[in-house]
Amino acid sequence: MAVEKVGEKYTCNVCSNEVVVTKAGGGELVCCNQPMEKIEG
């Protein structure tokens, strides 16, 4: 899933890392060799 805007939150389903986007570049966030999942909130 590509990052679309500032403020989006993502989580890693493997290690539970969470990321908040501060600058949207349109790329895909990857952690533990798997795409991160966008979360609500």
PDB file of N, CA and C in Angstrom:
ATOM      1  N   MET A   1       0.854  -1.186   0.000  1.00  0.00           N
ATOM      2  CA  MET A   1       0.000   0.000   0.000  1.00  0.00           C
ATOM      3  C   MET A   1       0.892   1.238   0.000  1.00  0.00           C
ATOM      4  N   ALA A   2       0.687   2.113  -0.931  1.00  0.00           N
ATOM      5  CA  ALA A   2       1.507   3.319  -1.048  1.00  0.00           C
ATOM      6  C   ALA A   2       1.079   4.387  -0.038  1.00  0.00           C
ATOM      7  N   VAL A   3       2.054   5.073   0.508  1.00  0.00           N
ATOM      8  CA  VAL A   3       1.808   6.177   1.432  1.00  0.00           C
ATOM      9  C   VAL A   3       1.186   7.326   0.651  1.00  0.00           C
ATOM     10  N   GLU A   4       0.062   7.846   1.134  1.00  0.00           N
ATOM     11  CA  GLU A   4      -0.659   8.886   0.411  1.00  0.00           C
ATOM     12  C   GLU A   4      -0.603  10.255   1.060  1.00  0.00           C
ATOM     13  N   LYS A   5      -0.616  10.327   2.416  1.00  0.00           N
ATOM     14  CA  LYS A   5      -0.650  11.645   3.044  1.00  0.00           C
ATOM     15  C   LYS A   5      -0.037  11.641   4.440  1.00  0.00           C
ATOM     16  N   VAL A   6       0.342  12.824   4.893  1.00  0.00           N
ATOM     17  CA  VAL A   6       0.904  13.014   6.221  1.00  0.00           C
ATOM     18  C   VAL A   6      -0.143  12.647   7.272  1.00  0.00           C
ATOM     19  N   GLY A   7       0.288  11.981   8.328  1.00  0.00           N
ATOM     20  CA  GLY A   7      -0.598  11.621   9.427  1.00  0.00           C
ATOM     21  C   GLY A   7      -1.088  10.190   9.377  1.00  0.00           C
ATOM     22  N   GLU A   8      -0.905   9.507   8.245  1.00  0.00           N
ATOM     23  CA  GLU A   8      -1.320   8.101   8.172  1.00  0.00           C
ATOM     24  C   GLU A   8      -0.491   7.273   9.148  1.00  0.00           C
ATOM     25  N   LYS A   9      -1.094   6.214   9.673  1.00  0.00           N
ATOM     26  CA  LYS A   9      -0.409   5.331  10.616  1.00  0.00           C
ATOM     27  C   LYS A   9      -0.346   3.928  10.037  1.00  0.00           C
ATOM     28  N   TYR A  10       0.803   3.310  10.229  1.00  0.00           N
ATOM     29  CA  TYR A  10       1.038   1.958   9.726  1.00  0.00           C
ATOM     30  C   TYR A  10       1.603   1.099  10.842  1.00  0.00           C
ATOM     31  N   THR A  11       1.331  -0.212  10.790  1.00  0.00           N
ATOM     32  CA  THR A  11       1.853  -1.146  11.769  1.00  0.00           C
ATOM     33  C   THR A  11       2.445  -2.363  11.074  1.00  0.00           C
ATOM     34  N   CYS A  12       3.401  -2.984  11.739  1.00  0.00           N
ATOM     35  CA  CYS A  12       4.005  -4.221  11.251  1.00  0.00           C
ATOM     36  C   CYS A  12       3.306  -5.382  11.949  1.00  0.00           C
ATOM     37  N   ASN A  13       2.791  -6.319  11.175  1.00  0.00           N
ATOM     38  CA  ASN A  13       2.086  -7.464  11.751  1.00  0.00           C
ATOM     39  C   ASN A  13       3.033  -8.504  12.350  1.00  0.00           C
ATOM     40  N   VAL A  14       4.339  -8.343  12.131  1.00  0.00           N
ATOM     41  CA  VAL A  14       5.318  -9.296  12.660  1.00  0.00           C
ATOM     42  C   VAL A  14       5.857  -8.828  14.017  1.00  0.00           C
ATOM     43  N   CYS A  15       6.368  -7.581  14.072  1.00  0.00           N
ATOM     44  CA  CYS A  15       7.024  -7.102  15.302  1.00  0.00           C
ATOM     45  C   CYS A  15       6.251  -6.009  16.030  1.00  0.00           C
ATOM     46  N   SER A  16       5.138  -5.562  15.470  1.00  0.00           N
ATOM     47  CA  SER A  16       4.261  -4.541  16.070  1.00  0.00           C
ATOM     48  C   SER A  16       4.831  -3.123  16.047  1.00  0.00           C
ATOM     49  N   ASN A  17       5.891  -2.855  15.262  1.00  0.00           N
ATOM     50  CA  ASN A  17       6.341  -1.476  15.075  1.00  0.00           C
ATOM     51  C   ASN A  17       5.201  -0.653  14.514  1.00  0.00           C
ATOM     52  N   GLU A  18       5.107   0.612  14.929  1.00  0.00           N
ATOM     53  CA  GLU A  18       4.108   1.524  14.391  1.00  0.00           C
ATOM     54  C   GLU A  18       4.813   2.753  13.840  1.00  0.00           C
ATOM     55  N   VAL A  19       4.312   3.281  12.718  1.00  0.00           N
ATOM     56  CA  VAL A  19       4.911   4.424  12.038  1.00  0.00           C
ATOM     57  C   VAL A  19       3.822   5.454  11.751  1.00  0.00           C
ATOM     58  N   VAL A  20       4.151   6.734  11.971  1.00  0.00           N
ATOM     59  CA  VAL A  20       3.271   7.835  11.584  1.00  0.00           C
ATOM     60  C   VAL A  20       3.998   8.604  10.497  1.00  0.00           C
ATOM     61  N   VAL A  21       3.343   8.840   9.376  1.00  0.00           N
ATOM     62  CA  VAL A  21       3.963   9.513   8.234  1.00  0.00           C
ATOM     63  C   VAL A  21       4.103  11.008   8.521  1.00  0.00           C
ATOM     64  N   THR A  22       5.321  11.524   8.354  1.00  0.00           N
ATOM     65  CA  THR A  22       5.573  12.953   8.530  1.00  0.00           C
ATOM     66  C   THR A  22       5.849  13.648   7.201  1.00  0.00           C
ATOM     67  N   LYS A  23       6.194  12.850   6.165  1.00  0.00           N
ATOM     68  CA  LYS A  23       6.399  13.386   4.824  1.00  0.00           C
ATOM     69  C   LYS A  23       6.034  12.286   3.837  1.00  0.00           C
ATOM     70  N   ALA A  24       4.999  12.536   3.043  1.00  0.00           N
ATOM     71  CA  ALA A  24       4.511  11.525   2.101  1.00  0.00           C
ATOM     72  C   ALA A  24       5.348  11.550   0.835  1.00  0.00           C
ATOM     73  N   GLY A  25       5.893  10.379   0.476  1.00  0.00           N
ATOM     74  CA  GLY A  25       6.704  10.284  -0.721  1.00  0.00           C
ATOM     75  C   GLY A  25       6.125   9.319  -1.740  1.00  0.00           C
ATOM     76  N   GLY A  26       5.029   8.641  -1.368  1.00  0.00           N
ATOM     77  CA  GLY A  26       4.357   7.757  -2.298  1.00  0.00           C
ATOM     78  C   GLY A  26       4.886   6.340  -2.320  1.00  0.00           C
ATOM     79  N   GLY A  27       5.962   6.050  -1.585  1.00  0.00           N
ATOM     80  CA  GLY A  27       6.518   4.705  -1.566  1.00  0.00           C
ATOM     81  C   GLY A  27       5.737   3.772  -0.665  1.00  0.00           C
ATOM     82  N   GLU A  28       6.211   2.539  -0.579  1.00  0.00           N
ATOM     83  CA  GLU A  28       5.576   1.538   0.274  1.00  0.00           C
ATOM     84  C   GLU A  28       6.443   1.321   1.513  1.00  0.00           C
ATOM     85  N   LEU A  29       5.817   1.271   2.683  1.00  0.00           N
ATOM     86  CA  LEU A  29       6.551   1.014   3.920  1.00  0.00           C
ATOM     87  C   LEU A  29       6.672  -0.492   4.125  1.00  0.00           C
ATOM     88  N   VAL A  30       7.897  -0.938   4.428  1.00  0.00           N
ATOM     89  CA  VAL A  30       8.166  -2.355   4.615  1.00  0.00           C
ATOM     90  C   VAL A  30       8.904  -2.540   5.938  1.00  0.00           C
ATOM     91  N   CYS A  31       8.516  -3.557   6.701  1.00  0.00           N
ATOM     92  CA  CYS A  31       9.167  -3.900   7.954  1.00  0.00           C
ATOM     93  C   CYS A  31       9.183  -5.426   8.042  1.00  0.00           C
ATOM     94  N   CYS A  32      10.256  -6.003   8.539  1.00  0.00           N
ATOM     95  CA  CYS A  32      10.380  -7.468   8.656  1.00  0.00           C
ATOM     96  C   CYS A  32      10.131  -8.158   7.309  1.00  0.00           C
ATOM     97  N   ASN A  33      10.571  -7.501   6.235  1.00  0.00           N
ATOM     98  CA  ASN A  33      10.437  -8.013   4.859  1.00  0.00           C
ATOM     99  C   ASN A  33       8.994  -8.196   4.398  1.00  0.00           C
ATOM    100  N   GLN A  34       8.055  -7.472   5.047  1.00  0.00           N
ATOM    101  CA  GLN A  34       6.647  -7.522   4.641  1.00  0.00           C
ATOM    102  C   GLN A  34       6.089  -6.109   4.605  1.00  0.00           C
ATOM    103  N   PRO A  35       5.144  -5.845   3.694  1.00  0.00           N
ATOM    104  CA  PRO A  35       4.520  -4.513   3.650  1.00  0.00           C
ATOM    105  C   PRO A  35       3.807  -4.207   4.966  1.00  0.00           C
ATOM    106  N   MET A  36       3.927  -2.971   5.418  1.00  0.00           N
ATOM    107  CA  MET A  36       3.230  -2.564   6.643  1.00  0.00           C
ATOM    108  C   MET A  36       1.749  -2.337   6.320  1.00  0.00           C
ATOM    109  N   GLU A  37       0.910  -2.526   7.332  1.00  0.00           N
ATOM    110  CA  GLU A  37      -0.540  -2.396   7.168  1.00  0.00           C
ATOM    111  C   GLU A  37      -1.019  -1.058   7.709  1.00  0.00           C
ATOM    112  N   LYS A  38      -1.823  -0.350   6.916  1.00  0.00           N
ATOM    113  CA  LYS A  38      -2.379   0.937   7.346  1.00  0.00           C
ATOM    114  C   LYS A  38      -3.405   0.689   8.438  1.00  0.00           C
ATOM    115  N   ILE A  39      -3.353   1.509   9.505  1.00  0.00           N
ATOM    116  CA  ILE A  39      -4.323   1.386  10.592  1.00  0.00           C
ATOM    117  C   ILE A  39      -5.112   2.679  10.722  1.00  0.00           C
ATOM    118  N   GLU A  40      -6.279   2.574  11.271  1.00  0.00           N
ATOM    119  CA  GLU A  40      -7.144   3.743  11.476  1.00  0.00           C
ATOM    120  C   GLU A  40      -6.709   4.470  12.737  1.00  0.00           C
ATOM    121  N   GLY A  41      -6.991   5.770  12.767  1.00  0.00           N
ATOM    122  CA  GLY A  41      -6.731   6.515  13.981  1.00  0.00           C
ATOM    123  C   GLY A  41      -5.865   7.623  13.746  1.00  0.00           C
TER     124      GLY A  41
END
